[in-house]
Amino acid sequence: MVGQDREPPPVGIDVAVPSVARMYDYYLGGKDNYAVDREASEELLKVVPSTKELAVNNRRFLQRVVRLLASEYGIRQFIDHGSGLPTQDNVHQVAQRVDPASRVVYIDNDPIVLAHGRALLEENDGTAVIQADMRRTDDILAHPEVKRLIDFDQPVAALFVSVMHCIPDSDDPAALVRRVAERLVPGSYLVVCQLVSEDKATRDFVTRFMDESTHGNWGRVRQAHEVERFFDGLEILEPGLVEVSTWRPDSDLGPKQATQEWIEFGGLARKP
């Protein structure tokens, strides 16, 4: 066993099955994970040893892109699909530092995200966490908290950061992005990235391992050209679609992936 659980899980949380959100939390050095998550994370590191650095770089990408959207493009509304567990410098904290009136809706289907997220945000009227399947676009956009916080007559930033690999091909992840984009006004933005590998053995192992570990709560590690399809009909902004640590970096001091068996790949696009 890796580490020890600090406290009992919230009521209704299944700690017998690894959670993608809690594994990500573990890689980021968080405390909202359990033995089953840590054990799965360590097993994954044996085959893809760059995963921790990848997770940190992905989180920093999210912070950079939100800061840019708020400070340079004037975006004040964010919908974060598959947001994961709260950690340092969450979307609302980055955006509200630029403008305290910024509004953020977090969406995740993991009940532990709802439990911890609501506790964090209970005194922040401009932010909400809803437990929902991000594939159910109509249900999400009709949710009372989304209606309270998001004005769809104004530009919105829709975030799909390190989450599309959780969507299986049978649910058509490109169509999911397209459905959301269709509901946004021109001048809105979409941020999309996911795990990719050009090595078939890596793709097959990780996809199989995560699918089995999470009892089917997984999609597929893809190739870069497949992720490019998610941006059809959108204006991709500079520097294009890249490994996310190279997307407008603040400096060259971020953690480096010692190996490149897989990467987080994506970028920022504008709805014309």
Protein backbone atom coordinates (compact mmCIF):
# COMPACT_ATOMS: atom_id res chain seq x y z
CA MET A 1 0.00 0.00 0.00
CA VAL A 2 1.21 3.49 -0.88
CA GLY A 3 0.70 5.93 2.01
CA GLN A 4 -2.18 5.99 4.47
CA ASP A 5 -5.68 7.38 4.25
CA ARG A 6 -6.00 10.53 6.33
CA GLU A 7 -9.72 10.31 7.09
CA PRO A 8 -12.78 8.20 6.27
CA PRO A 9 -14.29 8.85 2.82
CA PRO A 10 -17.46 10.96 2.55
CA VAL A 11 -20.70 8.99 2.62
CA GLY A 12 -21.47 7.37 -0.72
CA ILE A 13 -17.89 7.41 -2.03
CA ASP A 14 -16.68 4.05 -3.39
CA VAL A 15 -13.04 3.65 -2.41
CA ALA A 16 -12.80 0.09 -3.73
CA VAL A 17 -12.47 1.31 -7.33
CA PRO A 18 -9.85 3.82 -8.49
CA SER A 19 -11.15 7.20 -9.61
CA VAL A 20 -9.54 9.17 -12.44
CA ALA A 21 -10.08 12.40 -10.49
CA ARG A 22 -8.47 10.99 -7.35
CA MET A 23 -5.54 9.51 -9.27
CA TYR A 24 -4.93 12.93 -10.83
CA ASP A 25 -5.11 14.45 -7.35
CA TYR A 26 -2.46 11.97 -6.17
CA TYR A 27 -0.11 12.89 -9.02
CA LEU A 28 -0.53 16.57 -8.12
CA GLY A 29 0.43 15.88 -4.52
CA GLY A 30 -3.11 16.27 -3.21
CA LYS A 31 -4.64 14.59 -0.17
CA ASP A 32 -8.09 13.67 -1.50
CA ASN A 33 -7.22 10.17 -2.67
CA TYR A 34 -7.30 6.67 -1.19
CA ALA A 35 -5.16 3.56 -1.17
CA VAL A 36 -6.81 2.10 -4.25
CA ASP A 37 -6.06 5.31 -6.21
CA ARG A 38 -2.45 5.45 -5.07
CA GLU A 39 -1.85 1.81 -5.90
CA ALA A 40 -3.29 2.21 -9.40
CA SER A 41 -1.24 5.39 -9.91
CA GLU A 42 1.98 3.67 -8.90
CA GLU A 43 1.25 0.72 -11.20
CA LEU A 44 0.70 3.10 -14.09
CA LEU A 45 4.01 4.84 -13.37
CA LYS A 46 5.84 1.55 -13.95
CA VAL A 47 4.89 1.67 -17.63
CA VAL A 48 4.47 5.42 -18.21
CA PRO A 49 6.95 6.98 -15.75
CA SER A 50 6.43 10.54 -16.98
CA THR A 51 2.83 10.68 -15.75
CA LYS A 52 3.41 12.82 -12.66
CA GLU A 53 5.27 15.51 -14.62
CA LEU A 54 2.60 15.31 -17.29
CA ALA A 55 -0.13 15.95 -14.70
CA VAL A 56 1.69 18.95 -13.22
CA ASN A 57 2.32 20.44 -16.66
CA ASN A 58 -1.31 19.95 -17.59
CA ARG A 59 -2.44 21.78 -14.47
CA ARG A 60 -0.11 24.67 -15.23
CA PHE A 61 -1.46 24.81 -18.78
CA LEU A 62 -4.98 25.14 -17.39
CA GLN A 63 -3.92 28.02 -15.16
CA ARG A 64 -2.12 29.81 -18.02
CA VAL A 65 -4.97 29.50 -20.47
CA VAL A 66 -7.59 30.68 -17.96
CA ARG A 67 -5.43 33.66 -17.01
CA LEU A 68 -5.00 34.55 -20.68
CA LEU A 69 -8.72 34.22 -21.40
CA ALA A 70 -9.60 36.46 -18.47
CA SER A 71 -6.86 39.06 -18.76
CA GLU A 72 -6.36 39.41 -22.53
CA TYR A 73 -9.62 38.20 -24.09
CA GLY A 74 -12.03 39.54 -21.50
CA ILE A 75 -13.78 36.26 -20.74
CA ARG A 76 -15.77 36.32 -17.52
CA GLN A 77 -17.67 33.02 -17.82
CA PHE A 78 -16.16 29.54 -17.67
CA ILE A 79 -17.65 26.05 -17.81
CA ASP A 80 -15.09 23.46 -16.74
CA HIS A 81 -16.08 19.98 -17.97
CA GLY A 82 -14.56 17.12 -15.99
CA SER A 83 -13.02 19.55 -13.54
CA GLY A 84 -11.62 17.03 -11.07
CA LEU A 85 -10.87 17.68 -7.43
CA PRO A 86 -10.12 21.19 -6.16
CA THR A 87 -6.43 21.95 -5.81
CA GLN A 88 -4.30 25.09 -5.74
CA ASP A 89 -5.15 27.85 -8.23
CA ASN A 90 -8.42 26.48 -9.49
CA VAL A 91 -10.19 28.07 -12.46
CA HIS A 92 -12.30 30.42 -10.33
CA GLN A 93 -9.28 31.58 -8.35
CA VAL A 94 -7.29 32.40 -11.48
CA ALA A 95 -10.21 34.12 -13.21
CA GLN A 96 -11.42 36.01 -10.14
CA ARG A 97 -7.96 37.42 -9.51
CA VAL A 98 -8.35 39.17 -12.86
CA ASP A 99 -11.97 40.16 -12.18
CA PRO A 100 -13.81 39.18 -8.98
CA ALA A 101 -17.04 39.16 -11.02
CA SER A 102 -15.88 36.17 -13.08
CA ARG A 103 -18.24 33.20 -12.91
CA VAL A 104 -17.30 29.53 -13.06
CA VAL A 105 -19.28 26.29 -13.22
CA TYR A 106 -17.42 23.06 -12.50
CA ILE A 107 -18.86 19.80 -13.86
CA ASP A 108 -17.80 16.32 -12.80
CA ASN A 109 -19.52 12.96 -12.37
CA ASP A 110 -17.39 11.88 -9.40
CA PRO A 111 -19.34 12.37 -6.13
CA ILE A 112 -16.16 13.16 -4.21
CA VAL A 113 -15.61 16.17 -6.48
CA LEU A 114 -19.07 17.42 -5.55
CA ALA A 115 -18.46 16.87 -1.83
CA HIS A 116 -15.11 18.64 -1.70
CA GLY A 117 -15.95 21.27 -4.29
CA ARG A 118 -19.11 22.49 -2.58
CA ALA A 119 -17.28 22.76 0.73
CA LEU A 120 -14.61 24.90 -0.92
CA LEU A 121 -17.04 27.15 -2.77
CA GLU A 122 -19.86 27.56 -0.27
CA GLU A 123 -18.98 31.23 0.27
CA ASN A 124 -18.28 32.05 -3.40
CA ASP A 125 -21.50 33.15 -5.09
CA GLY A 126 -19.83 33.33 -8.49
CA THR A 127 -18.94 29.66 -8.58
CA ALA A 128 -20.82 26.36 -8.54
CA VAL A 129 -20.04 22.65 -8.70
CA ILE A 130 -22.56 20.29 -10.24
CA GLN A 131 -22.42 16.52 -10.44
CA ALA A 132 -23.31 15.57 -14.00
CA ASP A 133 -22.23 13.48 -16.95
CA MET A 134 -20.48 15.96 -19.22
CA ARG A 135 -21.82 14.10 -22.26
CA ARG A 136 -25.35 15.31 -21.41
CA THR A 137 -24.96 18.81 -22.80
CA ASP A 138 -28.66 19.74 -22.79
CA ASP A 139 -29.09 18.67 -19.16
CA ILE A 140 -26.02 20.62 -18.09
CA LEU A 141 -27.03 23.82 -19.83
CA ALA A 142 -30.53 23.55 -18.35
CA HIS A 143 -29.19 23.10 -14.80
CA PRO A 144 -30.34 25.86 -12.41
CA GLU A 145 -26.79 26.71 -11.34
CA VAL A 146 -25.65 27.02 -14.95
CA LYS A 147 -28.62 29.26 -15.71
CA ARG A 148 -27.85 31.35 -12.61
CA LEU A 149 -24.22 31.93 -13.46
CA ILE A 150 -23.83 31.74 -17.24
CA ASP A 151 -25.29 34.21 -19.74
CA PHE A 152 -25.23 32.43 -23.09
CA ASP A 153 -25.80 35.71 -24.91
CA GLN A 154 -22.24 36.61 -23.93
CA PRO A 155 -18.94 34.83 -24.73
CA VAL A 156 -18.12 31.76 -22.65
CA ALA A 157 -14.98 29.66 -22.29
CA ALA A 158 -15.75 25.93 -22.34
CA LEU A 159 -12.92 23.86 -20.88
CA PHE A 160 -12.25 20.19 -21.66
CA VAL A 161 -8.84 19.86 -20.04
CA SER A 162 -7.33 16.37 -19.70
CA VAL A 163 -10.74 14.76 -19.81
CA MET A 164 -11.54 13.69 -23.39
CA HIS A 165 -9.59 10.46 -22.94
CA CYS A 166 -12.33 9.49 -20.48
CA ILE A 167 -14.90 9.57 -23.32
CA PRO A 168 -15.10 6.36 -25.38
CA ASP A 169 -15.34 6.46 -29.16
CA SER A 170 -18.91 5.14 -28.93
CA ASP A 171 -19.90 8.49 -27.34
CA ASP A 172 -18.13 10.49 -30.10
CA PRO A 173 -15.99 12.99 -28.17
CA ALA A 174 -15.66 15.25 -31.22
CA ALA A 175 -19.45 15.52 -31.36
CA LEU A 176 -19.48 16.46 -27.66
CA VAL A 177 -17.18 19.43 -28.29
CA ARG A 178 -19.24 20.37 -31.34
CA ARG A 179 -22.53 20.30 -29.38
CA VAL A 180 -21.11 22.64 -26.76
CA ALA A 181 -19.61 24.96 -29.38
CA GLU A 182 -22.96 25.19 -31.17
CA ARG A 183 -24.58 26.54 -27.99
CA LEU A 184 -22.02 29.31 -27.55
CA VAL A 185 -22.05 32.71 -29.22
CA PRO A 186 -19.31 33.72 -31.68
CA GLY A 187 -16.30 35.03 -29.81
CA SER A 188 -16.49 32.21 -27.27
CA TYR A 189 -13.50 29.96 -26.66
CA LEU A 190 -12.90 26.24 -26.23
CA VAL A 191 -9.89 24.68 -24.53
CA VAL A 192 -9.35 21.01 -25.32
CA CYS A 193 -6.49 18.65 -24.53
CA GLN A 194 -6.13 14.96 -23.88
CA LEU A 195 -3.57 12.19 -23.46
CA VAL A 196 -2.03 11.06 -26.72
CA SER A 197 0.67 8.65 -27.75
CA GLU A 198 2.07 7.72 -31.12
CA ASP A 199 3.23 4.39 -29.67
CA LYS A 200 0.58 1.72 -30.13
CA ALA A 201 1.85 -0.40 -27.24
CA THR A 202 1.54 2.54 -24.84
CA ARG A 203 -1.94 3.44 -26.11
CA ASP A 204 -3.15 -0.12 -25.79
CA PHE A 205 -1.67 -0.73 -22.34
CA VAL A 206 -2.89 2.49 -20.73
CA THR A 207 -6.33 2.24 -22.30
CA ARG A 208 -6.73 -1.35 -21.10
CA PHE A 209 -5.25 -0.68 -17.66
CA MET A 210 -7.40 2.37 -16.97
CA ASP A 211 -10.57 0.80 -18.36
CA GLU A 212 -10.13 -2.26 -16.15
CA SER A 213 -9.00 -0.28 -13.07
CA THR A 214 -11.90 2.20 -13.20
CA HIS A 215 -14.50 -0.42 -14.16
CA GLY A 216 -15.21 1.18 -17.50
CA ASN A 217 -14.97 4.86 -16.57
CA TRP A 218 -12.48 5.49 -19.32
CA GLY A 219 -12.26 6.10 -23.03
CA ARG A 220 -9.04 5.84 -24.98
CA VAL A 221 -5.54 7.24 -25.31
CA ARG A 222 -5.57 8.71 -28.81
CA GLN A 223 -3.18 9.99 -31.45
CA ALA A 224 -2.58 13.67 -32.17
CA HIS A 225 -4.44 13.62 -35.48
CA GLU A 226 -7.54 12.34 -33.71
CA VAL A 227 -7.48 15.22 -31.23
CA GLU A 228 -7.19 17.68 -34.11
CA ARG A 229 -10.69 16.62 -35.20
CA PHE A 230 -12.09 18.01 -31.96
CA PHE A 231 -11.30 21.49 -33.30
CA ASP A 232 -13.16 21.22 -36.61
CA GLY A 233 -14.92 24.49 -37.41
CA LEU A 234 -12.97 26.45 -34.81
CA GLU A 235 -10.18 28.99 -35.18
CA ILE A 236 -7.11 27.51 -33.46
CA LEU A 237 -5.02 30.21 -31.80
CA GLU A 238 -1.24 30.38 -31.64
CA PRO A 239 0.88 28.38 -31.04
CA GLY A 240 -1.55 25.79 -32.40
CA LEU A 241 -2.08 22.32 -31.03
CA VAL A 242 0.99 21.26 -29.05
CA GLU A 243 2.25 19.35 -26.04
CA VAL A 244 0.77 21.56 -23.36
CA SER A 245 3.94 22.45 -21.46
CA THR A 246 5.04 24.28 -24.62
CA TRP A 247 1.80 26.26 -24.93
CA ARG A 248 2.74 29.89 -24.17
CA PRO A 249 4.95 28.91 -21.20
CA ASP A 250 5.61 31.47 -18.48
CA SER A 251 9.19 30.24 -18.28
CA ASP A 252 11.29 27.16 -18.94
CA LEU A 253 11.32 26.20 -15.26
CA GLY A 254 8.41 23.76 -15.36
CA PRO A 255 8.94 20.04 -14.76
CA LYS A 256 10.33 18.22 -17.78
CA GLN A 257 9.05 14.86 -18.89
CA ALA A 258 12.04 12.55 -18.73
CA THR A 259 10.32 10.29 -21.25
CA GLN A 260 7.83 10.99 -24.02
CA GLU A 261 5.86 7.75 -24.16
CA TRP A 262 2.72 9.89 -23.96
CA ILE A 263 1.93 13.57 -23.75
CA GLU A 264 -0.96 15.92 -23.03
CA PHE A 265 -1.84 17.46 -26.41
CA GLY A 266 -4.21 20.26 -27.34
CA GLY A 267 -4.73 24.00 -27.30
CA LEU A 268 -7.09 26.97 -27.42
CA ALA A 269 -9.63 27.79 -30.12
CA ARG A 270 -12.12 30.59 -30.80
CA LYS A 271 -15.60 30.14 -32.20
CA PRO A 272 -15.73 32.41 -35.28
